Amino acid sequence: MTKLPILSAQEIIKGLQNIGYREIRQRGSHICLVCLNKKSVTVPNHKTIGRGLLRRILRDAEISPEKFQQFLKKK
């Protein structure tokens, strides 16, 4: 099991956008992202997001932590 980093919301959103997600709306501090043929995900717009919440976001997005870390490195 890969140890997930502690990231900001913007870093997580950038990684999800590399996968194919796009922002559709924001309500308060929560940003909703959607992707074709995948479940939508909500990311709280905070400076730091802990490992547990990041793991939950990745589970909702149906992507493994290892694969997500590969997409984080892409630009």
PDB file of N, CA and C in Angstrom:
ATOM      1  N   MET A   1       0.837  -1.173   0.000  1.00  0.00           N
ATOM      2  CA  MET A   1       0.000   0.000   0.000  1.00  0.00           C
ATOM      3  C   MET A   1       0.886   1.242   0.000  1.00  0.00           C
ATOM      4  N   THR A   2       0.649   2.134  -0.928  1.00  0.00           N
ATOM      5  CA  THR A   2       1.444   3.344  -1.079  1.00  0.00           C
ATOM      6  C   THR A   2       1.025   4.390  -0.052  1.00  0.00           C
ATOM      7  N   LYS A   3       2.016   5.037   0.548  1.00  0.00           N
ATOM      8  CA  LYS A   3       1.730   6.108   1.487  1.00  0.00           C
ATOM      9  C   LYS A   3       1.399   7.367   0.692  1.00  0.00           C
ATOM     10  N   LEU A   4       0.211   7.880   0.910  1.00  0.00           N
ATOM     11  CA  LEU A   4      -0.236   9.060   0.171  1.00  0.00           C
ATOM     12  C   LEU A   4       0.365  10.327   0.768  1.00  0.00           C
ATOM     13  N   PRO A   5       0.661  11.311  -0.065  1.00  0.00           N
ATOM     14  CA  PRO A   5       1.176  12.582   0.449  1.00  0.00           C
ATOM     15  C   PRO A   5       0.025  13.463   0.950  1.00  0.00           C
ATOM     16  N   ILE A   6       0.371  14.438   1.758  1.00  0.00           N
ATOM     17  CA  ILE A   6      -0.600  15.450   2.163  1.00  0.00           C
ATOM     18  C   ILE A   6      -0.525  16.548   1.111  1.00  0.00           C
ATOM     19  N   LEU A   7      -1.638  16.805   0.440  1.00  0.00           N
ATOM     20  CA  LEU A   7      -1.665  17.734  -0.686  1.00  0.00           C
ATOM     21  C   LEU A   7      -2.666  18.855  -0.436  1.00  0.00           C
ATOM     22  N   SER A   8      -2.546  19.911  -1.229  1.00  0.00           N
ATOM     23  CA  SER A   8      -3.554  20.971  -1.205  1.00  0.00           C
ATOM     24  C   SER A   8      -4.681  20.584  -2.153  1.00  0.00           C
ATOM     25  N   ALA A   9      -5.790  21.258  -2.019  1.00  0.00           N
ATOM     26  CA  ALA A   9      -6.939  20.976  -2.884  1.00  0.00           C
ATOM     27  C   ALA A   9      -6.591  21.240  -4.345  1.00  0.00           C
ATOM     28  N   GLN A  10      -5.829  22.286  -4.615  1.00  0.00           N
ATOM     29  CA  GLN A  10      -5.476  22.620  -5.994  1.00  0.00           C
ATOM     30  C   GLN A  10      -4.604  21.543  -6.625  1.00  0.00           C
ATOM     31  N   GLU A  11      -3.710  20.935  -5.845  1.00  0.00           N
ATOM     32  CA  GLU A  11      -2.870  19.855  -6.366  1.00  0.00           C
ATOM     33  C   GLU A  11      -3.710  18.619  -6.682  1.00  0.00           C
ATOM     34  N   ILE A  12      -4.676  18.324  -5.822  1.00  0.00           N
ATOM     35  CA  ILE A  12      -5.564  17.173  -6.051  1.00  0.00           C
ATOM     36  C   ILE A  12      -6.422  17.414  -7.282  1.00  0.00           C
ATOM     37  N   ILE A  13      -6.962  18.610  -7.408  1.00  0.00           N
ATOM     38  CA  ILE A  13      -7.800  18.940  -8.564  1.00  0.00           C
ATOM     39  C   ILE A  13      -6.984  18.854  -9.851  1.00  0.00           C
ATOM     40  N   LYS A  14      -5.750  19.331  -9.826  1.00  0.00           N
ATOM     41  CA  LYS A  14      -4.887  19.260 -11.007  1.00  0.00           C
ATOM     42  C   LYS A  14      -4.637  17.800 -11.398  1.00  0.00           C
ATOM     43  N   GLY A  15      -4.388  16.944 -10.414  1.00  0.00           N
ATOM     44  CA  GLY A  15      -4.196  15.527 -10.682  1.00  0.00           C
ATOM     45  C   GLY A  15      -5.443  14.880 -11.258  1.00  0.00           C
ATOM     46  N   LEU A  16      -6.607  15.240 -10.730  1.00  0.00           N
ATOM     47  CA  LEU A  16      -7.876  14.697 -11.251  1.00  0.00           C
ATOM     48  C   LEU A  16      -8.150  15.214 -12.657  1.00  0.00           C
ATOM     49  N   GLN A  17      -7.763  16.443 -12.944  1.00  0.00           N
ATOM     50  CA  GLN A  17      -7.947  16.979 -14.293  1.00  0.00           C
ATOM     51  C   GLN A  17      -7.062  16.252 -15.286  1.00  0.00           C
ATOM     52  N   ASN A  18      -5.880  15.807 -14.861  1.00  0.00           N
ATOM     53  CA  ASN A  18      -5.016  15.013 -15.733  1.00  0.00           C
ATOM     54  C   ASN A  18      -5.658  13.672 -16.073  1.00  0.00           C
ATOM     55  N   ILE A  19      -6.512  13.174 -15.199  1.00  0.00           N
ATOM     56  CA  ILE A  19      -7.218  11.914 -15.433  1.00  0.00           C
ATOM     57  C   ILE A  19      -8.372  12.122 -16.408  1.00  0.00           C
ATOM     58  N   GLY A  20      -8.973  13.314 -16.380  1.00  0.00           N
ATOM     59  CA  GLY A  20     -10.100  13.582 -17.261  1.00  0.00           C
ATOM     60  C   GLY A  20     -11.255  14.282 -16.574  1.00  0.00           C
ATOM     61  N   TYR A  21     -11.128  14.538 -15.282  1.00  0.00           N
ATOM     62  CA  TYR A  21     -12.175  15.251 -14.554  1.00  0.00           C
ATOM     63  C   TYR A  21     -12.138  16.727 -14.905  1.00  0.00           C
ATOM     64  N   ARG A  22     -13.295  17.383 -14.761  1.00  0.00           N
ATOM     65  CA  ARG A  22     -13.352  18.832 -14.965  1.00  0.00           C
ATOM     66  C   ARG A  22     -14.296  19.433 -13.926  1.00  0.00           C
ATOM     67  N   GLU A  23     -14.000  20.666 -13.554  1.00  0.00           N
ATOM     68  CA  GLU A  23     -14.829  21.356 -12.560  1.00  0.00           C
ATOM     69  C   GLU A  23     -16.160  21.745 -13.189  1.00  0.00           C
ATOM     70  N   ILE A  24     -17.250  21.524 -12.449  1.00  0.00           N
ATOM     71  CA  ILE A  24     -18.543  21.969 -12.966  1.00  0.00           C
ATOM     72  C   ILE A  24     -19.173  23.033 -12.084  1.00  0.00           C
ATOM     73  N   ARG A  25     -18.885  22.972 -10.787  1.00  0.00           N
ATOM     74  CA  ARG A  25     -19.462  23.995  -9.911  1.00  0.00           C
ATOM     75  C   ARG A  25     -18.711  24.027  -8.590  1.00  0.00           C
ATOM     76  N   GLN A  26     -18.946  25.123  -7.860  1.00  0.00           N
ATOM     77  CA  GLN A  26     -18.396  25.269  -6.524  1.00  0.00           C
ATOM     78  C   GLN A  26     -19.474  25.850  -5.641  1.00  0.00           C
ATOM     79  N   ARG A  27     -19.651  25.256  -4.485  1.00  0.00           N
ATOM     80  CA  ARG A  27     -20.624  25.767  -3.531  1.00  0.00           C
ATOM     81  C   ARG A  27     -19.900  25.923  -2.203  1.00  0.00           C
ATOM     82  N   GLY A  28     -19.692  27.150  -1.809  1.00  0.00           N
ATOM     83  CA  GLY A  28     -18.905  27.401  -0.606  1.00  0.00           C
ATOM     84  C   GLY A  28     -17.455  27.012  -0.855  1.00  0.00           C
ATOM     85  N   SER A  29     -16.951  26.135  -0.010  1.00  0.00           N
ATOM     86  CA  SER A  29     -15.556  25.712  -0.177  1.00  0.00           C
ATOM     87  C   SER A  29     -15.439  24.329  -0.809  1.00  0.00           C
ATOM     88  N   HIS A  30     -16.510  23.825  -1.388  1.00  0.00           N
ATOM     89  CA  HIS A  30     -16.485  22.502  -2.006  1.00  0.00           C
ATOM     90  C   HIS A  30     -16.581  22.612  -3.517  1.00  0.00           C
ATOM     91  N   ILE A  31     -15.625  21.962  -4.203  1.00  0.00           N
ATOM     92  CA  ILE A  31     -15.561  21.993  -5.658  1.00  0.00           C
ATOM     93  C   ILE A  31     -15.990  20.632  -6.179  1.00  0.00           C
ATOM     94  N   CYS A  32     -16.966  20.625  -7.080  1.00  0.00           N
ATOM     95  CA  CYS A  32     -17.489  19.393  -7.647  1.00  0.00           C
ATOM     96  C   CYS A  32     -16.860  19.170  -9.018  1.00  0.00           C
ATOM     97  N   LEU A  33     -16.351  17.960  -9.230  1.00  0.00           N
ATOM     98  CA  LEU A  33     -15.720  17.589 -10.500  1.00  0.00           C
ATOM     99  C   LEU A  33     -16.440  16.385 -11.076  1.00  0.00           C
ATOM    100  N   VAL A  34     -16.539  16.351 -12.407  1.00  0.00           N
ATOM    101  CA  VAL A  34     -17.170  15.212 -13.083  1.00  0.00           C
ATOM    102  C   VAL A  34     -16.257  14.710 -14.187  1.00  0.00           C
ATOM    103  N   CYS A  35     -16.484  13.452 -14.551  1.00  0.00           N
ATOM    104  CA  CYS A  35     -15.760  12.816 -15.633  1.00  0.00           C
ATOM    105  C   CYS A  35     -16.741  11.876 -16.329  1.00  0.00           C
ATOM    106  N   LEU A  36     -16.625  11.784 -17.621  1.00  0.00           N
ATOM    107  CA  LEU A  36     -17.498  10.923 -18.395  1.00  0.00           C
ATOM    108  C   LEU A  36     -17.352   9.471 -17.940  1.00  0.00           C
ATOM    109  N   ASN A  37     -18.467   8.801 -17.702  1.00  0.00           N
ATOM    110  CA  ASN A  37     -18.523   7.387 -17.297  1.00  0.00           C
ATOM    111  C   ASN A  37     -17.889   7.105 -15.942  1.00  0.00           C
ATOM    112  N   LYS A  38     -17.727   8.118 -15.104  1.00  0.00           N
ATOM    113  CA  LYS A  38     -17.199   7.927 -13.760  1.00  0.00           C
ATOM    114  C   LYS A  38     -18.069   8.689 -12.773  1.00  0.00           C
ATOM    115  N   LYS A  39     -17.944   8.332 -11.530  1.00  0.00           N
ATOM    116  CA  LYS A  39     -18.682   8.990 -10.465  1.00  0.00           C
ATOM    117  C   LYS A  39     -18.111  10.386 -10.221  1.00  0.00           C
ATOM    118  N   SER A  40     -18.968  11.344  -9.926  1.00  0.00           N
ATOM    119  CA  SER A  40     -18.491  12.693  -9.635  1.00  0.00           C
ATOM    120  C   SER A  40     -17.817  12.709  -8.260  1.00  0.00           C
ATOM    121  N   VAL A  41     -16.899  13.637  -8.084  1.00  0.00           N
ATOM    122  CA  VAL A  41     -16.162  13.763  -6.832  1.00  0.00           C
ATOM    123  C   VAL A  41     -16.238  15.197  -6.338  1.00  0.00           C
ATOM    124  N   THR A  42     -16.222  15.357  -5.034  1.00  0.00           N
ATOM    125  CA  THR A  42     -16.220  16.666  -4.413  1.00  0.00           C
ATOM    126  C   THR A  42     -14.940  16.817  -3.612  1.00  0.00           C
ATOM    127  N   VAL A  43     -14.250  17.926  -3.846  1.00  0.00           N
ATOM    128  CA  VAL A  43     -12.987  18.198  -3.158  1.00  0.00           C
ATOM    129  C   VAL A  43     -13.161  19.483  -2.359  1.00  0.00           C
ATOM    130  N   PRO A  44     -12.917  19.439  -1.032  1.00  0.00           N
ATOM    131  CA  PRO A  44     -12.982  20.679  -0.251  1.00  0.00           C
ATOM    132  C   PRO A  44     -11.788  21.565  -0.584  1.00  0.00           C
ATOM    133  N   ASN A  45     -12.033  22.840  -0.780  1.00  0.00           N
ATOM    134  CA  ASN A  45     -10.982  23.779  -1.178  1.00  0.00           C
ATOM    135  C   ASN A  45     -10.233  24.264   0.071  1.00  0.00           C
ATOM    136  N   HIS A  46      -9.312  23.415   0.556  1.00  0.00           N
ATOM    137  CA  HIS A  46      -8.518  23.723   1.745  1.00  0.00           C
ATOM    138  C   HIS A  46      -7.039  23.722   1.385  1.00  0.00           C
ATOM    139  N   LYS A  47      -6.238  24.340   2.250  1.00  0.00           N
ATOM    140  CA  LYS A  47      -4.794  24.404   2.002  1.00  0.00           C
ATOM    141  C   LYS A  47      -4.155  23.029   2.104  1.00  0.00           C
ATOM    142  N   THR A  48      -4.620  22.221   3.039  1.00  0.00           N
ATOM    143  CA  THR A  48      -4.089  20.858   3.166  1.00  0.00           C
ATOM    144  C   THR A  48      -5.248  19.888   3.303  1.00  0.00           C
ATOM    145  N   ILE A  49      -5.108  18.758   2.640  1.00  0.00           N
ATOM    146  CA  ILE A  49      -6.092  17.684   2.721  1.00  0.00           C
ATOM    147  C   ILE A  49      -5.341  16.450   3.194  1.00  0.00           C
ATOM    148  N   GLY A  50      -5.815  15.869   4.270  1.00  0.00           N
ATOM    149  CA  GLY A  50      -5.147  14.725   4.882  1.00  0.00           C
ATOM    150  C   GLY A  50      -5.225  13.467   4.026  1.00  0.00           C
ATOM    151  N   ARG A  51      -4.455  12.490   4.443  1.00  0.00           N
ATOM    152  CA  ARG A  51      -4.366  11.236   3.695  1.00  0.00           C
ATOM    153  C   ARG A  51      -5.687  10.478   3.670  1.00  0.00           C
ATOM    154  N   GLY A  52      -6.412  10.497   4.779  1.00  0.00           N
ATOM    155  CA  GLY A  52      -7.682   9.772   4.848  1.00  0.00           C
ATOM    156  C   GLY A  52      -8.708  10.327   3.880  1.00  0.00           C
ATOM    157  N   LEU A  53      -8.841  11.643   3.838  1.00  0.00           N
ATOM    158  CA  LEU A  53      -9.790  12.266   2.916  1.00  0.00           C
ATOM    159  C   LEU A  53      -9.350  12.075   1.473  1.00  0.00           C
ATOM    160  N   LEU A  54      -8.045  12.164   1.215  1.00  0.00           N
ATOM    161  CA  LEU A  54      -7.545  11.934  -0.139  1.00  0.00           C
ATOM    162  C   LEU A  54      -7.846  10.501  -0.582  1.00  0.00           C
ATOM    163  N   ARG A  55      -7.665   9.541   0.318  1.00  0.00           N
ATOM    164  CA  ARG A  55      -7.971   8.150  -0.015  1.00  0.00           C
ATOM    165  C   ARG A  55      -9.455   7.986  -0.338  1.00  0.00           C
ATOM    166  N   ARG A  56     -10.317   8.696   0.392  1.00  0.00           N
ATOM    167  CA  ARG A  56     -11.758   8.636   0.141  1.00  0.00           C
ATOM    168  C   ARG A  56     -12.102   9.255  -1.222  1.00  0.00           C
ATOM    169  N   ILE A  57     -11.472  10.357  -1.564  1.00  0.00           N
ATOM    170  CA  ILE A  57     -11.690  10.999  -2.867  1.00  0.00           C
ATOM    171  C   ILE A  57     -11.266  10.060  -3.985  1.00  0.00           C
ATOM    172  N   LEU A  58     -10.121   9.401  -3.813  1.00  0.00           N
ATOM    173  CA  LEU A  58      -9.629   8.478  -4.840  1.00  0.00           C
ATOM    174  C   LEU A  58     -10.532   7.255  -4.951  1.00  0.00           C
ATOM    175  N   ARG A  59     -11.080   6.805  -3.833  1.00  0.00           N
ATOM    176  CA  ARG A  59     -12.009   5.670  -3.869  1.00  0.00           C
ATOM    177  C   ARG A  59     -13.272   6.057  -4.633  1.00  0.00           C
ATOM    178  N   ASP A  60     -13.763   7.280  -4.404  1.00  0.00           N
ATOM    179  CA  ASP A  60     -14.935   7.761  -5.148  1.00  0.00           C
ATOM    180  C   ASP A  60     -14.636   7.872  -6.638  1.00  0.00           C
ATOM    181  N   ALA A  61     -13.409   8.293  -6.968  1.00  0.00           N
ATOM    182  CA  ALA A  61     -13.012   8.453  -8.369  1.00  0.00           C
ATOM    183  C   ALA A  61     -12.640   7.117  -9.014  1.00  0.00           C
ATOM    184  N   GLU A  62     -12.618   6.058  -8.206  1.00  0.00           N
ATOM    185  CA  GLU A  62     -12.281   4.713  -8.669  1.00  0.00           C
ATOM    186  C   GLU A  62     -10.891   4.668  -9.307  1.00  0.00           C
ATOM    187  N   ILE A  63      -9.922   5.220  -8.599  1.00  0.00           N
ATOM    188  CA  ILE A  63      -8.536   5.209  -9.063  1.00  0.00           C
ATOM    189  C   ILE A  63      -7.633   4.813  -7.897  1.00  0.00           C
ATOM    190  N   SER A  64      -6.612   4.045  -8.180  1.00  0.00           N
ATOM    191  CA  SER A  64      -5.696   3.597  -7.130  1.00  0.00           C
ATOM    192  C   SER A  64      -4.738   4.740  -6.760  1.00  0.00           C
ATOM    193  N   PRO A  65      -4.251   4.719  -5.528  1.00  0.00           N
ATOM    194  CA  PRO A  65      -3.288   5.753  -5.112  1.00  0.00           C
ATOM    195  C   PRO A  65      -2.020   5.752  -5.972  1.00  0.00           C
ATOM    196  N   GLU A  66      -1.577   4.573  -6.400  1.00  0.00           N
ATOM    197  CA  GLU A  66      -0.375   4.493  -7.229  1.00  0.00           C
ATOM    198  C   GLU A  66      -0.596   5.180  -8.573  1.00  0.00           C
ATOM    199  N   LYS A  67      -1.739   4.922  -9.179  1.00  0.00           N
ATOM    200  CA  LYS A  67      -2.058   5.518 -10.479  1.00  0.00           C
ATOM    201  C   LYS A  67      -2.227   7.037 -10.333  1.00  0.00           C
ATOM    202  N   PHE A  68      -2.846   7.479  -9.231  1.00  0.00           N
ATOM    203  CA  PHE A  68      -3.043   8.909  -9.001  1.00  0.00           C
ATOM    204  C   PHE A  68      -1.697   9.616  -8.875  1.00  0.00           C
ATOM    205  N   GLN A  69      -0.738   9.001  -8.196  1.00  0.00           N
ATOM    206  CA  GLN A  69       0.570   9.631  -8.044  1.00  0.00           C
ATOM    207  C   GLN A  69       1.283   9.760  -9.393  1.00  0.00           C
ATOM    208  N   GLN A  70       1.008   8.842 -10.321  1.00  0.00           N
ATOM    209  CA  GLN A  70       1.563   8.974 -11.661  1.00  0.00           C
ATOM    210  C   GLN A  70       0.958  10.194 -12.364  1.00  0.00           C
ATOM    211  N   PHE A  71      -0.351  10.407 -12.199  1.00  0.00           N
ATOM    212  CA  PHE A  71      -1.002  11.544 -12.832  1.00  0.00           C
ATOM    213  C   PHE A  71      -0.608  12.862 -12.177  1.00  0.00           C
ATOM    214  N   LEU A  72      -0.209  12.831 -10.910  1.00  0.00           N
ATOM    215  CA  LEU A  72       0.256  14.043 -10.236  1.00  0.00           C
ATOM    216  C   LEU A  72       1.559  14.542 -10.861  1.00  0.00           C
ATOM    217  N   LYS A  73       2.382  13.617 -11.310  1.00  0.00           N
ATOM    218  CA  LYS A  73       3.687  13.985 -11.872  1.00  0.00           C
ATOM    219  C   LYS A  73       3.563  14.542 -13.284  1.00  0.00           C
ATOM    220  N   LYS A  74       2.446  14.268 -13.979  1.00  0.00           N
ATOM    221  CA  LYS A  74       2.251  14.799 -15.339  1.00  0.00           C
ATOM    222  C   LYS A  74       1.920  16.276 -15.254  1.00  0.00           C
ATOM    223  N   LYS A  75       2.219  16.971 -16.336  1.00  0.00           N
ATOM    224  CA  LYS A  75       1.870  18.406 -16.371  1.00  0.00           C
ATOM    225  C   LYS A  75       0.901  18.676 -17.458  1.00  0.00           C
TER     226      LYS A  75
END
